[in-house]
PDB file of N, CA and C in Angstrom:
ATOM      1  N   MET A   1      37.656 -88.325  56.647  1.00  0.00           N
ATOM      2  CA  MET A   1      38.845 -89.118  56.741  1.00  0.00           C
ATOM      3  C   MET A   1      39.859 -88.157  55.233  1.00  0.00           C
ATOM      4  N   ALA A   2      40.766 -87.337  55.859  1.00  0.00           N
ATOM      5  CA  ALA A   2      41.993 -86.703  54.884  1.00  0.00           C
ATOM      6  C   ALA A   2      42.671 -87.984  54.465  1.00  0.00           C
ATOM      7  N   ILE A   3      42.721 -87.958  53.469  1.00  0.00           N
ATOM      8  CA  ILE A   3      43.536 -89.007  52.337  1.00  0.00           C
ATOM      9  C   ILE A   3      44.800 -88.738  51.836  1.00  0.00           C
ATOM     10  N   GLY A   4      44.716 -87.676  51.370  1.00  0.00           N
ATOM     11  CA  GLY A   4      46.038 -86.928  50.850  1.00  0.00           C
ATOM     12  C   GLY A   4      45.627 -86.088  49.878  1.00  0.00           C
ATOM     13  N   ASN A   5      46.688 -85.157  49.299  1.00  0.00           N
ATOM     14  CA  ASN A   5      46.742 -84.127  48.608  1.00  0.00           C
ATOM     15  C   ASN A   5      45.444 -83.222  48.295  1.00  0.00           C
ATOM     16  N   GLY A   6      45.043 -82.951  49.539  1.00  0.00           N
ATOM     17  CA  GLY A   6      43.984 -81.927  49.724  1.00  0.00           C
ATOM     18  C   GLY A   6      42.051 -82.721  49.765  1.00  0.00           C
ATOM     19  N   VAL A   7      42.385 -84.366  49.458  1.00  0.00           N
ATOM     20  CA  VAL A   7      41.225 -84.885  49.502  1.00  0.00           C
ATOM     21  C   VAL A   7      40.787 -85.278  50.616  1.00  0.00           C
ATOM     22  N   MET A   8      39.371 -85.354  51.056  1.00  0.00           N
ATOM     23  CA  MET A   8      39.176 -85.969  52.205  1.00  0.00           C
ATOM     24  C   MET A   8      37.335 -87.001  51.828  1.00  0.00           C
ATOM     25  N   LEU A   9      37.531 -88.124  52.179  1.00  0.00           N
ATOM     26  CA  LEU A   9      37.112 -89.162  51.851  1.00  0.00           C
ATOM     27  C   LEU A   9      35.972 -89.079  53.251  1.00  0.00           C
ATOM     28  N   ALA A  10      34.332 -89.196  52.299  1.00  0.00           N
ATOM     29  CA  ALA A  10      33.144 -88.997  53.525  1.00  0.00           C
ATOM     30  C   ALA A  10      32.467 -90.275  53.058  1.00  0.00           C
ATOM     31  N   HIS A  11      32.182 -91.347  53.617  1.00  0.00           N
ATOM     32  CA  HIS A  11      31.688 -92.574  53.103  1.00  0.00           C
ATOM     33  C   HIS A  11      30.900 -93.421  54.090  1.00  0.00           C
ATOM     34  N   ALA A  12      29.984 -93.596  53.987  1.00  0.00           N
ATOM     35  CA  ALA A  12      29.097 -94.702  54.717  1.00  0.00           C
ATOM     36  C   ALA A  12      29.799 -95.901  54.784  1.00  0.00           C
ATOM     37  N   LYS A  13      29.443 -96.829  55.914  1.00  0.00           N
ATOM     38  CA  LYS A  13      29.678 -98.363  55.986  1.00  0.00           C
ATOM     39  C   LYS A  13      28.960 -99.056  54.814  1.00  0.00           C
ATOM     40  N   PRO A  14      29.200-100.041  54.409  1.00  0.00           N
ATOM     41  CA  PRO A  14      28.503-100.773  53.219  1.00  0.00           C
ATOM     42  C   PRO A  14      27.516-101.372  53.838  1.00  0.00           C
ATOM     43  N   ASN A  15      26.019-101.391  53.059  1.00  0.00           N
ATOM     44  CA  ASN A  15      25.163-102.432  53.638  1.00  0.00           C
ATOM     45  C   ASN A  15      24.383-101.479  54.602  1.00  0.00           C
ATOM     46  N   GLU A  16      24.951 -99.859  55.072  1.00  0.00           N
ATOM     47  CA  GLU A  16      23.778 -99.519  55.487  1.00  0.00           C
ATOM     48  C   GLU A  16      22.666 -98.804  55.105  1.00  0.00           C
ATOM     49  N   GLY A  17      22.004 -99.750  54.291  1.00  0.00           N
ATOM     50  CA  GLY A  17      20.824 -99.003  53.622  1.00  0.00           C
ATOM     51  C   GLY A  17      20.924 -98.364  52.343  1.00  0.00           C
ATOM     52  N   VAL A  18      22.327 -98.771  51.543  1.00  0.00           N
ATOM     53  CA  VAL A  18      22.587 -98.025  50.219  1.00  0.00           C
ATOM     54  C   VAL A  18      22.058 -99.392  49.571  1.00  0.00           C
ATOM     55  N   ASN A  19      21.242 -99.153  48.200  1.00  0.00           N
ATOM     56  CA  ASN A  19      20.608 -99.590  47.276  1.00  0.00           C
ATOM     57  C   ASN A  19      21.369 -99.621  46.251  1.00  0.00           C
ATOM     58  N   GLU A  20      22.344 -98.679  45.917  1.00  0.00           N
ATOM     59  CA  GLU A  20      23.281 -98.706  44.504  1.00  0.00           C
ATOM     60  C   GLU A  20      24.383 -97.794  44.770  1.00  0.00           C
ATOM     61  N   LEU A  21      25.634 -98.181  44.147  1.00  0.00           N
ATOM     62  CA  LEU A  21      26.698 -97.567  44.637  1.00  0.00           C
ATOM     63  C   LEU A  21      26.577 -95.783  44.372  1.00  0.00           C
ATOM     64  N   GLY A  22      26.753 -94.978  45.362  1.00  0.00           N
ATOM     65  CA  GLY A  22      26.772 -93.629  45.209  1.00  0.00           C
ATOM     66  C   GLY A  22      28.341 -92.833  45.231  1.00  0.00           C
ATOM     67  N   VAL A  23      28.406 -91.665  44.398  1.00  0.00           N
ATOM     68  CA  VAL A  23      29.684 -91.138  44.612  1.00  0.00           C
ATOM     69  C   VAL A  23      29.450 -89.797  44.058  1.00  0.00           C
ATOM     70  N   ASN A  24      30.030 -88.939  44.662  1.00  0.00           N
ATOM     71  CA  ASN A  24      29.631 -87.511  44.647  1.00  0.00           C
ATOM     72  C   ASN A  24      31.042 -86.611  44.803  1.00  0.00           C
ATOM     73  N   PHE A  25      31.481 -85.499  44.306  1.00  0.00           N
ATOM     74  CA  PHE A  25      32.326 -84.833  44.416  1.00  0.00           C
ATOM     75  C   PHE A  25      32.104 -83.381  44.781  1.00  0.00           C
ATOM     76  N   THR A  26      32.437 -82.821  45.891  1.00  0.00           N
ATOM     77  CA  THR A  26      32.353 -81.498  45.995  1.00  0.00           C
ATOM     78  C   THR A  26      33.581 -80.620  46.086  1.00  0.00           C
ATOM     79  N   LEU A  27      33.660 -80.041  45.176  1.00  0.00           N
ATOM     80  CA  LEU A  27      34.857 -78.863  44.952  1.00  0.00           C
ATOM     81  C   LEU A  27      34.550 -77.863  45.682  1.00  0.00           C
ATOM     82  N   PHE A  28      35.531 -77.223  46.500  1.00  0.00           N
ATOM     83  CA  PHE A  28      35.833 -76.026  47.604  1.00  0.00           C
ATOM     84  C   PHE A  28      36.685 -75.114  46.590  1.00  0.00           C
ATOM     85  N   LYS A  29      36.526 -74.133  46.523  1.00  0.00           N
ATOM     86  CA  LYS A  29      37.361 -73.128  45.704  1.00  0.00           C
ATOM     87  C   LYS A  29      38.369 -72.566  46.632  1.00  0.00           C
ATOM     88  N   HIS A  30      37.731 -72.396  47.863  1.00  0.00           N
ATOM     89  CA  HIS A  30      38.888 -71.997  49.185  1.00  0.00           C
ATOM     90  C   HIS A  30      38.922 -73.212  50.131  1.00  0.00           C
ATOM     91  N   PRO A  31      40.162 -73.607  50.351  1.00  0.00           N
ATOM     92  CA  PRO A  31      40.331 -74.971  51.049  1.00  0.00           C
ATOM     93  C   PRO A  31      39.758 -74.572  52.437  1.00  0.00           C
ATOM     94  N   PHE A  32      39.345 -75.664  53.082  1.00  0.00           N
ATOM     95  CA  PHE A  32      39.408 -75.722  54.667  1.00  0.00           C
ATOM     96  C   PHE A  32      40.341 -76.270  55.506  1.00  0.00           C
ATOM     97  N   ASN A  33      40.306 -76.308  56.630  1.00  0.00           N
ATOM     98  CA  ASN A  33      41.559 -76.714  57.492  1.00  0.00           C
ATOM     99  C   ASN A  33      40.513 -77.975  58.171  1.00  0.00           C
ATOM    100  N   LEU A  34      40.945 -79.486  58.235  1.00  0.00           N
ATOM    101  CA  LEU A  34      40.095 -80.196  58.810  1.00  0.00           C
ATOM    102  C   LEU A  34      40.627 -80.420  60.016  1.00  0.00           C
ATOM    103  N   ALA A  35      40.231 -79.897  61.181  1.00  0.00           N
ATOM    104  CA  ALA A  35      40.703 -80.022  62.363  1.00  0.00           C
ATOM    105  C   ALA A  35      41.268 -81.056  62.936  1.00  0.00           C
ATOM    106  N   GLU A  36      40.817 -82.360  62.804  1.00  0.00           N
ATOM    107  CA  GLU A  36      41.290 -83.285  63.459  1.00  0.00           C
ATOM    108  C   GLU A  36      42.658 -84.019  62.659  1.00  0.00           C
ATOM    109  N   SER A  37      42.754 -83.530  61.584  1.00  0.00           N
ATOM    110  CA  SER A  37      44.172 -83.943  60.944  1.00  0.00           C
ATOM    111  C   SER A  37      45.479 -82.734  60.632  1.00  0.00           C
ATOM    112  N   GLY A  38      44.500 -81.312  61.039  1.00  0.00           N
ATOM    113  CA  GLY A  38      45.257 -80.032  60.437  1.00  0.00           C
ATOM    114  C   GLY A  38      45.663 -79.958  58.906  1.00  0.00           C
ATOM    115  N   LYS A  39      45.002 -81.005  57.861  1.00  0.00           N
ATOM    116  CA  LYS A  39      45.238 -80.888  56.514  1.00  0.00           C
ATOM    117  C   LYS A  39      44.027 -79.824  55.778  1.00  0.00           C
ATOM    118  N   LEU A  40      44.990 -79.098  54.943  1.00  0.00           N
ATOM    119  CA  LEU A  40      43.882 -78.447  54.076  1.00  0.00           C
ATOM    120  C   LEU A  40      43.012 -79.494  52.915  1.00  0.00           C
ATOM    121  N   ILE A  41      41.906 -78.822  52.962  1.00  0.00           N
ATOM    122  CA  ILE A  41      41.056 -79.894  52.048  1.00  0.00           C
ATOM    123  C   ILE A  41      40.363 -78.797  51.085  1.00  0.00           C
ATOM    124  N   ASN A  42      40.233 -79.516  50.101  1.00  0.00           N
ATOM    125  CA  ASN A  42      39.581 -78.732  48.980  1.00  0.00           C
ATOM    126  C   ASN A  42      38.498 -79.518  47.974  1.00  0.00           C
ATOM    127  N   LEU A  43      38.605 -80.868  48.349  1.00  0.00           N
ATOM    128  CA  LEU A  43      37.731 -81.669  47.531  1.00  0.00           C
ATOM    129  C   LEU A  43      37.217 -82.617  48.379  1.00  0.00           C
ATOM    130  N   VAL A  44      36.199 -82.803  48.453  1.00  0.00           N
ATOM    131  CA  VAL A  44      35.391 -83.985  49.692  1.00  0.00           C
ATOM    132  C   VAL A  44      34.595 -85.010  48.355  1.00  0.00           C
ATOM    133  N   ILE A  45      35.098 -86.161  48.550  1.00  0.00           N
ATOM    134  CA  ILE A  45      34.336 -87.354  47.897  1.00  0.00           C
ATOM    135  C   ILE A  45      33.500 -88.342  48.821  1.00  0.00           C
ATOM    136  N   GLY A  46      32.374 -88.205  48.480  1.00  0.00           N
ATOM    137  CA  GLY A  46      31.618 -88.888  49.076  1.00  0.00           C
ATOM    138  C   GLY A  46      31.170 -90.344  48.330  1.00  0.00           C
ATOM    139  N   LEU A  47      30.782 -91.360  49.445  1.00  0.00           N
ATOM    140  CA  LEU A  47      30.958 -92.772  48.682  1.00  0.00           C
ATOM    141  C   LEU A  47      29.745 -93.035  49.719  1.00  0.00           C
ATOM    142  N   ALA A  48      28.873 -94.027  48.867  1.00  0.00           N
ATOM    143  CA  ALA A  48      27.787 -95.150  49.382  1.00  0.00           C
ATOM    144  C   ALA A  48      27.961 -96.443  48.642  1.00  0.00           C
ATOM    145  N   PRO A  49      28.625 -96.891  49.342  1.00  0.00           N
ATOM    146  CA  PRO A  49      28.903 -98.444  48.857  1.00  0.00           C
ATOM    147  C   PRO A  49      27.977 -99.549  49.436  1.00  0.00           C
ATOM    148  N   ILE A  50      27.402-100.487  48.075  1.00  0.00           N
ATOM    149  CA  ILE A  50      26.365-101.477  48.419  1.00  0.00           C
ATOM    150  C   ILE A  50      27.011-102.455  49.231  1.00  0.00           C
ATOM    151  N   ASP A  51      28.430-102.858  48.941  1.00  0.00           N
ATOM    152  CA  ASP A  51      28.558-104.150  49.441  1.00  0.00           C
ATOM    153  C   ASP A  51      30.325-103.795  49.911  1.00  0.00           C
ATOM    154  N   GLN A  52      31.018-104.722  50.767  1.00  0.00           N
ATOM    155  CA  GLN A  52      32.236-104.628  50.878  1.00  0.00           C
ATOM    156  C   GLN A  52      33.523-104.536  50.115  1.00  0.00           C
ATOM    157  N   HIS A  53      32.839-105.318  48.663  1.00  0.00           N
ATOM    158  CA  HIS A  53      33.508-105.658  47.871  1.00  0.00           C
ATOM    159  C   HIS A  53      33.753-104.138  46.821  1.00  0.00           C
ATOM    160  N   SER A  54      32.210-103.486  46.624  1.00  0.00           N
ATOM    161  CA  SER A  54      32.479-102.337  45.822  1.00  0.00           C
ATOM    162  C   SER A  54      33.266-101.002  46.548  1.00  0.00           C
ATOM    163  N   HIS A  55      33.285-101.231  48.042  1.00  0.00           N
ATOM    164  CA  HIS A  55      33.817-100.273  48.981  1.00  0.00           C
ATOM    165  C   HIS A  55      35.306-100.441  48.734  1.00  0.00           C
ATOM    166  N   PHE A  56      35.861-101.612  48.924  1.00  0.00           N
ATOM    167  CA  PHE A  56      37.510-101.834  48.436  1.00  0.00           C
ATOM    168  C   PHE A  56      37.733-101.518  47.217  1.00  0.00           C
ATOM    169  N   GLU A  57      36.702-101.756  46.054  1.00  0.00           N
ATOM    170  CA  GLU A  57      37.146-101.466  44.835  1.00  0.00           C
ATOM    171  C   GLU A  57      37.235-100.014  44.620  1.00  0.00           C
ATOM    172  N   PHE A  58      36.357 -99.240  44.927  1.00  0.00           N
ATOM    173  CA  PHE A  58      36.360 -97.606  45.087  1.00  0.00           C
ATOM    174  C   PHE A  58      37.773 -97.024  45.861  1.00  0.00           C
ATOM    175  N   LEU A  59      37.921 -97.614  46.925  1.00  0.00           N
ATOM    176  CA  LEU A  59      39.126 -97.107  47.622  1.00  0.00           C
ATOM    177  C   LEU A  59      40.286 -97.419  47.042  1.00  0.00           C
ATOM    178  N   GLU A  60      40.720 -98.658  46.346  1.00  0.00           N
ATOM    179  CA  GLU A  60      41.667 -98.542  45.663  1.00  0.00           C
ATOM    180  C   GLU A  60      41.965 -97.617  44.395  1.00  0.00           C
ATOM    181  N   THR A  61      40.866 -97.807  43.576  1.00  0.00           N
ATOM    182  CA  THR A  61      40.574 -96.631  42.609  1.00  0.00           C
ATOM    183  C   THR A  61      41.186 -95.334  42.936  1.00  0.00           C
ATOM    184  N   LEU A  62      39.906 -94.726  43.751  1.00  0.00           N
ATOM    185  CA  LEU A  62      40.484 -93.440  44.191  1.00  0.00           C
ATOM    186  C   LEU A  62      42.084 -93.225  44.793  1.00  0.00           C
ATOM    187  N   LEU A  63      42.798 -93.758  45.354  1.00  0.00           N
ATOM    188  CA  LEU A  63      44.150 -93.870  45.806  1.00  0.00           C
ATOM    189  C   LEU A  63      44.898 -94.014  44.908  1.00  0.00           C
ATOM    190  N   LYS A  64      44.987 -94.462  43.765  1.00  0.00           N
ATOM    191  CA  LYS A  64      45.483 -94.337  42.397  1.00  0.00           C
ATOM    192  C   LYS A  64      45.504 -93.290  41.949  1.00  0.00           C
ATOM    193  N   PHE A  65      43.990 -92.721  41.604  1.00  0.00           N
ATOM    194  CA  PHE A  65      43.782 -91.228  41.127  1.00  0.00           C
ATOM    195  C   PHE A  65      44.324 -90.492  41.873  1.00  0.00           C
ATOM    196  N   ILE A  66      44.083 -90.169  43.053  1.00  0.00           N
ATOM    197  CA  ILE A  66      44.495 -89.268  44.110  1.00  0.00           C
ATOM    198  C   ILE A  66      46.189 -88.819  44.023  1.00  0.00           C
ATOM    199  N   GLN A  67      46.909 -90.054  43.740  1.00  0.00           N
ATOM    200  CA  GLN A  67      48.415 -89.795  43.379  1.00  0.00           C
ATOM    201  C   GLN A  67      48.803 -89.116  42.434  1.00  0.00           C
ATOM    202  N   ASN A  68      47.933 -89.636  41.376  1.00  0.00           N
ATOM    203  CA  ASN A  68      48.394 -88.630  40.027  1.00  0.00           C
ATOM    204  C   ASN A  68      47.887 -86.790  40.246  1.00  0.00           C
ATOM    205  N   LYS A  69      48.982 -86.035  40.316  1.00  0.00           N
ATOM    206  CA  LYS A  69      48.862 -84.988  40.383  1.00  0.00           C
ATOM    207  C   LYS A  69      47.973 -84.293  39.195  1.00  0.00           C
ATOM    208  N   ASP A  70      48.170 -84.395  38.082  1.00  0.00           N
ATOM    209  CA  ASP A  70      47.417 -84.238  36.812  1.00  0.00           C
ATOM    210  C   ASP A  70      46.173 -83.930  37.390  1.00  0.00           C
ATOM    211  N   TRP A  71      45.604 -85.221  37.484  1.00  0.00           N
ATOM    212  CA  TRP A  71      44.264 -85.564  37.626  1.00  0.00           C
ATOM    213  C   TRP A  71      43.714 -84.648  39.081  1.00  0.00           C
ATOM    214  N   ILE A  72      44.295 -84.538  39.954  1.00  0.00           N
ATOM    215  CA  ILE A  72      43.715 -83.450  40.931  1.00  0.00           C
ATOM    216  C   ILE A  72      44.016 -81.999  40.306  1.00  0.00           C
ATOM    217  N   ASN A  73      44.973 -81.668  40.003  1.00  0.00           N
ATOM    218  CA  ASN A  73      45.110 -80.434  39.153  1.00  0.00           C
ATOM    219  C   ASN A  73      44.128 -80.034  38.082  1.00  0.00           C
ATOM    220  N   GLN A  74      43.287 -81.242  37.275  1.00  0.00           N
ATOM    221  CA  GLN A  74      42.468 -81.117  36.304  1.00  0.00           C
ATOM    222  C   GLN A  74      41.118 -81.032  37.206  1.00  0.00           C
ATOM    223  N   LEU A  75      40.910 -81.565  38.403  1.00  0.00           N
ATOM    224  CA  LEU A  75      39.738 -81.567  39.215  1.00  0.00           C
ATOM    225  C   LEU A  75      39.595 -79.950  39.910  1.00  0.00           C
ATOM    226  N   LYS A  76      40.931 -79.359  40.138  1.00  0.00           N
ATOM    227  CA  LYS A  76      40.761 -78.022  40.796  1.00  0.00           C
ATOM    228  C   LYS A  76      40.579 -77.103  40.051  1.00  0.00           C
ATOM    229  N   VAL A  77      40.411 -76.775  38.356  1.00  0.00           N
ATOM    230  CA  VAL A  77      40.469 -75.936  37.541  1.00  0.00           C
ATOM    231  C   VAL A  77      38.894 -76.046  36.906  1.00  0.00           C
ATOM    232  N   ILE A  78      38.081 -76.987  37.286  1.00  0.00           N
ATOM    233  CA  ILE A  78      36.785 -77.569  36.758  1.00  0.00           C
ATOM    234  C   ILE A  78      35.711 -76.419  37.376  1.00  0.00           C
ATOM    235  N   SER A  79      34.674 -75.801  36.282  1.00  0.00           N
ATOM    236  CA  SER A  79      34.075 -74.828  36.694  1.00  0.00           C
ATOM    237  C   SER A  79      32.675 -75.325  36.571  1.00  0.00           C
ATOM    238  N   SER A  80      32.277 -76.424  36.276  1.00  0.00           N
ATOM    239  CA  SER A  80      30.956 -76.721  36.110  1.00  0.00           C
ATOM    240  C   SER A  80      30.783 -78.239  36.437  1.00  0.00           C
ATOM    241  N   LYS A  81      29.470 -78.805  36.802  1.00  0.00           N
ATOM    242  CA  LYS A  81      29.138 -79.869  37.316  1.00  0.00           C
ATOM    243  C   LYS A  81      29.555 -81.056  36.035  1.00  0.00           C
ATOM    244  N   ARG A  82      29.284 -80.860  34.829  1.00  0.00           N
ATOM    245  CA  ARG A  82      29.712 -81.234  33.785  1.00  0.00           C
ATOM    246  C   ARG A  82      31.144 -81.811  33.851  1.00  0.00           C
ATOM    247  N   GLY A  83      31.827 -80.846  34.309  1.00  0.00           N
ATOM    248  CA  GLY A  83      33.051 -81.232  34.193  1.00  0.00           C
ATOM    249  C   GLY A  83      33.847 -81.865  35.302  1.00  0.00           C
ATOM    250  N   VAL A  84      32.818 -82.168  36.133  1.00  0.00           N
ATOM    251  CA  VAL A  84      33.510 -83.201  37.415  1.00  0.00           C
ATOM    252  C   VAL A  84      32.888 -84.579  37.478  1.00  0.00           C
ATOM    253  N   SER A  85      32.549 -84.637  35.869  1.00  0.00           N
ATOM    254  CA  SER A  85      31.991 -86.126  35.923  1.00  0.00           C
ATOM    255  C   SER A  85      32.949 -86.907  35.983  1.00  0.00           C
ATOM    256  N   PRO A  86      32.636 -88.369  36.938  1.00  0.00           N
ATOM    257  CA  PRO A  86      33.895 -89.044  36.707  1.00  0.00           C
ATOM    258  C   PRO A  86      34.100 -89.695  35.687  1.00  0.00           C
ATOM    259  N   THR A  87      33.091 -89.630  34.624  1.00  0.00           N
ATOM    260  CA  THR A  87      33.259 -90.461  33.055  1.00  0.00           C
ATOM    261  C   THR A  87      34.048 -89.612  32.593  1.00  0.00           C
ATOM    262  N   SER A  88      33.866 -88.238  32.692  1.00  0.00           N
ATOM    263  CA  SER A  88      34.738 -87.389  31.824  1.00  0.00           C
ATOM    264  C   SER A  88      36.537 -87.302  32.427  1.00  0.00           C
ATOM    265  N   ASN A  89      36.777 -87.704  33.668  1.00  0.00           N
ATOM    266  CA  ASN A  89      38.285 -87.853  34.034  1.00  0.00           C
ATOM    267  C   ASN A  89      38.958 -89.196  33.975  1.00  0.00           C
ATOM    268  N   GLY A  90      38.154 -90.276  33.319  1.00  0.00           N
ATOM    269  CA  GLY A  90      38.829 -91.750  33.477  1.00  0.00           C
ATOM    270  C   GLY A  90      38.427 -92.218  34.938  1.00  0.00           C
ATOM    271  N   PHE A  91      37.838 -91.863  35.993  1.00  0.00           N
ATOM    272  CA  PHE A  91      37.583 -92.372  37.176  1.00  0.00           C
ATOM    273  C   PHE A  91      36.434 -93.600  37.050  1.00  0.00           C
ATOM    274  N   LYS A  92      35.550 -93.429  36.446  1.00  0.00           N
ATOM    275  CA  LYS A  92      34.423 -94.368  36.237  1.00  0.00           C
ATOM    276  C   LYS A  92      35.003 -95.721  35.299  1.00  0.00           C
ATOM    277  N   THR A  93      35.618 -95.173  34.415  1.00  0.00           N
ATOM    278  CA  THR A  93      36.396 -96.092  33.150  1.00  0.00           C
ATOM    279  C   THR A  93      37.181 -97.196  34.003  1.00  0.00           C
ATOM    280  N   SER A  94      37.873 -96.236  35.022  1.00  0.00           N
ATOM    281  CA  SER A  94      38.796 -97.363  35.674  1.00  0.00           C
ATOM    282  C   SER A  94      38.194 -97.993  36.793  1.00  0.00           C
ATOM    283  N   LEU A  95      37.233 -97.671  37.432  1.00  0.00           N
ATOM    284  CA  LEU A  95      36.390 -98.596  38.154  1.00  0.00           C
ATOM    285  C   LEU A  95      35.953 -99.829  37.354  1.00  0.00           C
ATOM    286  N   ASN A  96      35.327 -99.502  36.180  1.00  0.00           N
ATOM    287  CA  ASN A  96      34.758-100.873  35.511  1.00  0.00           C
ATOM    288  C   ASN A  96      35.806-101.724  34.847  1.00  0.00           C
ATOM    289  N   ASN A  97      37.033-101.172  34.739  1.00  0.00           N
ATOM    290  CA  ASN A  97      38.232-102.415  34.632  1.00  0.00           C
ATOM    291  C   ASN A  97      38.517-103.409  35.287  1.00  0.00           C
TER     292      ASN A  97
END
């Protein structure tokens, strides 16, 4: 599902065998066209929520970050796994507040 600013969210439904909240970021050097929406995507965020609450909490936080062009631009210039760590760009901290 394309959610804006070149970001696509791929996620499981809550309670589909997920034992621990999981999040991953996949950044593409070259954007691809998402056929169903016609939008260019360069960041795919995967989510494995453990329950409905964590699912909605993550989505709420993610939508706030996606609206922040500085955050999106920061992600686009990251060159290592360490750089995309949710802790290093404030995402995890925001989830815990």
